Amino acid sequence: MAKLYFHYSSMNAGKSTALLQANHNYLERGMRTLLFTAKADDRYGDKVIASRIGIQAQSQHFSEEDDLFAIIEESHAFESLDCALFDEAQFLAKEQVSQLGRVADILKVPVLAYGLRTDFQGELFEGSQYLLAWADDIKEIKTVCHCGKKATMNARIDESGQKVSLGEQVEIGGNERYVSLCRSCFSQGKTATTAQD
């Protein structure tokens, strides 16, 4: 039975690596997959899902206007599809999460979505909110704060490593812009840079 899966974490926990490994497992068994990443995130090039450890794969873009059910249904009708995988799933719209549920329920194609749970202010992203509400299976990918505790929060930092509290919800960036923190360090504004001061 196909399911909608949501694998979430804070930054730098290996979400893209886990997605690429899952994709590899399907391909190694001769199965067909369809990969998607958010159009807003082009850090690694156009239509590329890349891991910080150096592996990558070509994908399709998704943006808020896309009818993901229709896109996947068309691809599945052309050639049987075994899995759809989504990187940066926090950028999905509410309706798109519903569409992915229909992909699992109607098309019987498993959907594996990987993304952040919360933004730099500790607020849920829209896509994550509805994936947490509607996914059949939810798993946390764990990573560690600089203090050694489990990191659950995403802190946006400035050029000097100080935590930033104001700004737009979406600002694409990697290690130069975000750090993963435990709740305690997040609430106290303790990044690795400020902890050394």
Protein backbone atom coordinates (compact mmCIF):
# COMPACT_ATOMS: atom_id res chain seq x y z
CA MET A 1 0.00 0.00 0.00
CA ALA A 2 1.47 3.35 -1.08
CA LYS A 3 1.95 6.02 1.59
CA LEU A 4 2.88 9.68 1.94
CA TYR A 5 6.07 9.88 4.01
CA PHE A 6 7.55 12.99 5.63
CA HIS A 7 11.18 12.94 6.76
CA TYR A 8 11.97 16.19 8.58
CA SER A 9 14.86 17.71 10.47
CA SER A 10 16.74 20.90 11.13
CA MET A 11 19.43 22.13 8.71
CA ASN A 12 22.45 19.97 7.90
CA ALA A 13 21.01 16.68 9.13
CA GLY A 14 21.36 14.84 5.82
CA LYS A 15 17.86 15.10 4.33
CA SER A 16 19.10 15.34 0.74
CA THR A 17 21.58 12.52 1.36
CA ALA A 18 18.75 10.31 2.67
CA LEU A 19 16.58 11.21 -0.35
CA LEU A 20 19.38 10.42 -2.80
CA GLN A 21 20.06 7.10 -1.04
CA ALA A 22 16.37 6.16 -1.19
CA ASN A 23 16.33 7.07 -4.89
CA HIS A 24 19.45 4.95 -5.48
CA ASN A 25 17.79 1.99 -3.78
CA TYR A 26 14.81 2.19 -6.15
CA LEU A 27 16.99 2.60 -9.25
CA GLU A 28 19.28 -0.25 -8.24
CA ARG A 29 16.25 -2.54 -8.31
CA GLY A 30 15.25 -1.41 -11.79
CA MET A 31 12.41 0.79 -10.55
CA ARG A 32 11.41 4.19 -11.93
CA THR A 33 11.43 7.32 -9.77
CA LEU A 34 10.58 10.98 -10.22
CA LEU A 35 12.56 13.56 -8.24
CA PHE A 36 11.45 17.10 -7.41
CA THR A 37 13.10 20.05 -5.71
CA ALA A 38 11.87 23.57 -5.00
CA LYS A 39 12.41 26.04 -7.83
CA ALA A 40 13.45 28.63 -5.24
CA ASP A 41 16.55 26.61 -4.27
CA ASP A 42 19.13 26.74 -7.05
CA ARG A 43 22.25 26.65 -4.85
CA TYR A 44 23.60 23.58 -6.67
CA GLY A 45 22.41 24.46 -10.18
CA ASP A 46 19.22 24.20 -12.16
CA LYS A 47 17.03 21.20 -11.24
CA VAL A 48 19.69 19.51 -9.10
CA ILE A 49 19.32 17.79 -5.73
CA ALA A 50 22.75 17.77 -4.09
CA SER A 51 24.07 16.59 -0.77
CA ARG A 52 26.84 18.30 1.16
CA ILE A 53 28.80 15.01 0.98
CA GLY A 54 29.09 15.33 -2.79
CA ILE A 55 26.36 13.18 -4.34
CA GLN A 56 23.65 14.61 -6.57
CA ALA A 57 20.90 13.80 -9.06
CA GLN A 58 18.86 15.62 -11.69
CA SER A 59 15.29 16.49 -10.74
CA GLN A 60 12.28 18.52 -11.75
CA HIS A 61 11.30 21.85 -10.20
CA PHE A 62 8.14 22.46 -8.28
CA SER A 63 6.65 25.85 -7.49
CA GLU A 64 3.44 26.86 -5.72
CA GLU A 65 1.41 26.98 -8.93
CA ASP A 66 2.15 23.39 -9.98
CA ASP A 67 -0.52 20.70 -9.84
CA LEU A 68 1.70 17.91 -8.60
CA PHE A 69 -1.01 15.27 -8.87
CA ALA A 70 -1.47 16.07 -12.58
CA ILE A 71 2.30 16.08 -13.25
CA ILE A 72 2.84 12.75 -11.53
CA GLU A 73 -0.31 11.22 -13.01
CA GLU A 74 0.87 12.12 -16.54
CA SER A 75 4.33 10.65 -15.93
CA HIS A 76 2.84 7.51 -14.37
CA ALA A 77 0.49 7.04 -17.36
CA PHE A 78 3.44 7.36 -19.76
CA GLU A 79 5.53 4.78 -17.86
CA SER A 80 4.74 3.11 -14.55
CA LEU A 81 6.24 5.06 -11.66
CA ASP A 82 7.46 3.38 -8.46
CA CYS A 83 8.15 6.42 -6.26
CA ALA A 84 8.05 10.24 -6.23
CA LEU A 85 10.64 11.97 -4.05
CA PHE A 86 10.53 15.62 -2.94
CA ASP A 87 13.45 17.63 -1.58
CA GLU A 88 12.82 20.97 0.18
CA ALA A 89 9.27 19.82 0.94
CA GLN A 90 8.75 22.68 3.39
CA PHE A 91 8.11 24.85 0.31
CA LEU A 92 5.04 22.85 -0.74
CA ALA A 93 1.69 24.64 -0.55
CA LYS A 94 -1.19 23.19 1.47
CA GLU A 95 -3.02 22.10 -1.71
CA GLN A 96 0.11 20.40 -3.00
CA VAL A 97 0.41 18.30 0.16
CA SER A 98 -3.19 17.25 -0.46
CA GLN A 99 -2.25 16.39 -4.06
CA LEU A 100 0.62 14.20 -2.84
CA GLY A 101 -1.78 12.36 -0.56
CA ARG A 102 -3.91 11.67 -3.64
CA VAL A 103 -0.83 10.41 -5.50
CA ALA A 104 -0.39 7.77 -2.79
CA ASP A 105 -4.10 7.01 -2.39
CA ILE A 106 -5.33 7.08 -6.00
CA LEU A 107 -2.26 6.41 -8.14
CA LYS A 108 -0.79 4.00 -5.56
CA VAL A 109 2.63 5.63 -5.93
CA PRO A 110 4.62 6.15 -2.70
CA VAL A 111 5.69 9.75 -2.03
CA LEU A 112 8.80 10.47 0.04
CA ALA A 113 9.02 14.12 1.13
CA TYR A 114 12.09 15.55 2.86
CA GLY A 115 12.21 18.99 4.42
CA LEU A 116 12.65 21.34 7.33
CA ARG A 117 10.02 21.42 10.03
CA THR A 118 10.45 25.04 11.11
CA ASP A 119 11.92 28.31 9.87
CA PHE A 120 14.55 30.55 11.49
CA GLN A 121 11.95 31.99 13.88
CA GLY A 122 10.74 28.57 15.05
CA GLU A 123 7.52 28.76 13.00
CA LEU A 124 6.22 25.90 10.87
CA PHE A 125 6.54 26.18 7.12
CA GLU A 126 3.20 25.69 5.33
CA GLY A 127 4.33 22.51 3.59
CA SER A 128 5.72 21.05 6.80
CA GLN A 129 2.58 21.94 8.74
CA TYR A 130 0.37 19.93 6.42
CA LEU A 131 2.84 17.10 5.95
CA LEU A 132 2.96 16.73 9.74
CA ALA A 133 -0.85 16.75 9.77
CA TRP A 134 -1.55 14.49 6.79
CA ALA A 135 1.44 12.20 6.12
CA ASP A 136 0.96 8.49 6.80
CA ASP A 137 4.46 8.10 8.17
CA ILE A 138 6.58 10.80 9.85
CA LYS A 139 10.27 10.39 10.72
CA GLU A 140 12.80 12.75 12.22
CA ILE A 141 16.34 12.80 10.83
CA LYS A 142 18.50 13.81 13.76
CA THR A 143 21.53 16.08 13.97
CA VAL A 144 23.52 17.71 16.77
CA CYS A 145 23.82 21.25 18.15
CA HIS A 146 27.30 22.67 18.80
CA CYS A 147 26.66 22.09 22.53
CA GLY A 148 26.13 18.34 22.01
CA LYS A 149 22.35 18.21 22.46
CA LYS A 150 19.95 17.17 19.71
CA ALA A 151 19.41 20.06 17.28
CA THR A 152 15.77 20.80 16.53
CA MET A 153 15.84 24.45 15.48
CA ASN A 154 17.21 26.40 12.49
CA ALA A 155 18.96 29.67 13.28
CA ARG A 156 19.70 32.21 10.57
CA ILE A 157 23.04 33.88 11.14
CA ASP A 158 24.72 37.02 9.85
CA GLU A 159 28.27 37.36 8.47
CA SER A 160 29.73 37.37 12.00
CA GLY A 161 27.85 34.26 13.12
CA GLN A 162 25.26 36.13 15.22
CA LYS A 163 21.66 34.84 15.27
CA VAL A 164 19.25 36.88 13.14
CA SER A 165 15.67 37.25 14.40
CA LEU A 166 13.97 39.34 11.71
CA GLY A 167 13.46 38.92 7.99
CA GLU A 168 11.48 37.08 5.33
CA GLN A 169 10.59 33.46 6.08
CA VAL A 170 12.38 32.19 2.98
CA GLU A 171 16.02 33.07 2.39
CA ILE A 172 17.92 30.36 0.56
CA GLY A 173 21.30 29.52 2.04
CA GLY A 174 23.53 26.84 3.46
CA ASN A 175 26.15 26.70 6.20
CA GLU A 176 27.08 30.34 5.63
CA ARG A 177 23.53 31.43 6.54
CA TYR A 178 22.06 28.78 8.88
CA VAL A 179 23.08 26.64 11.83
CA SER A 180 21.20 23.87 13.61
CA LEU A 181 20.68 24.48 17.32
CA CYS A 182 18.98 22.81 20.27
CA ARG A 183 15.97 24.68 21.65
CA SER A 184 18.00 26.07 24.58
CA CYS A 185 20.81 27.52 22.42
CA PHE A 186 18.22 28.80 19.93
CA SER A 187 16.22 30.68 22.59
CA GLN A 188 19.41 32.13 24.09
CA GLY A 189 20.88 33.04 20.69
CA LYS A 190 23.94 30.87 21.28
CA THR A 191 25.54 29.91 17.98
CA ALA A 192 28.92 28.19 17.86
CA THR A 193 30.49 31.63 17.28
CA THR A 194 28.79 33.31 20.25
CA ALA A 195 29.42 30.29 22.49
CA GLN A 196 33.18 30.81 22.03
CA ASP A 197 33.00 34.47 23.10
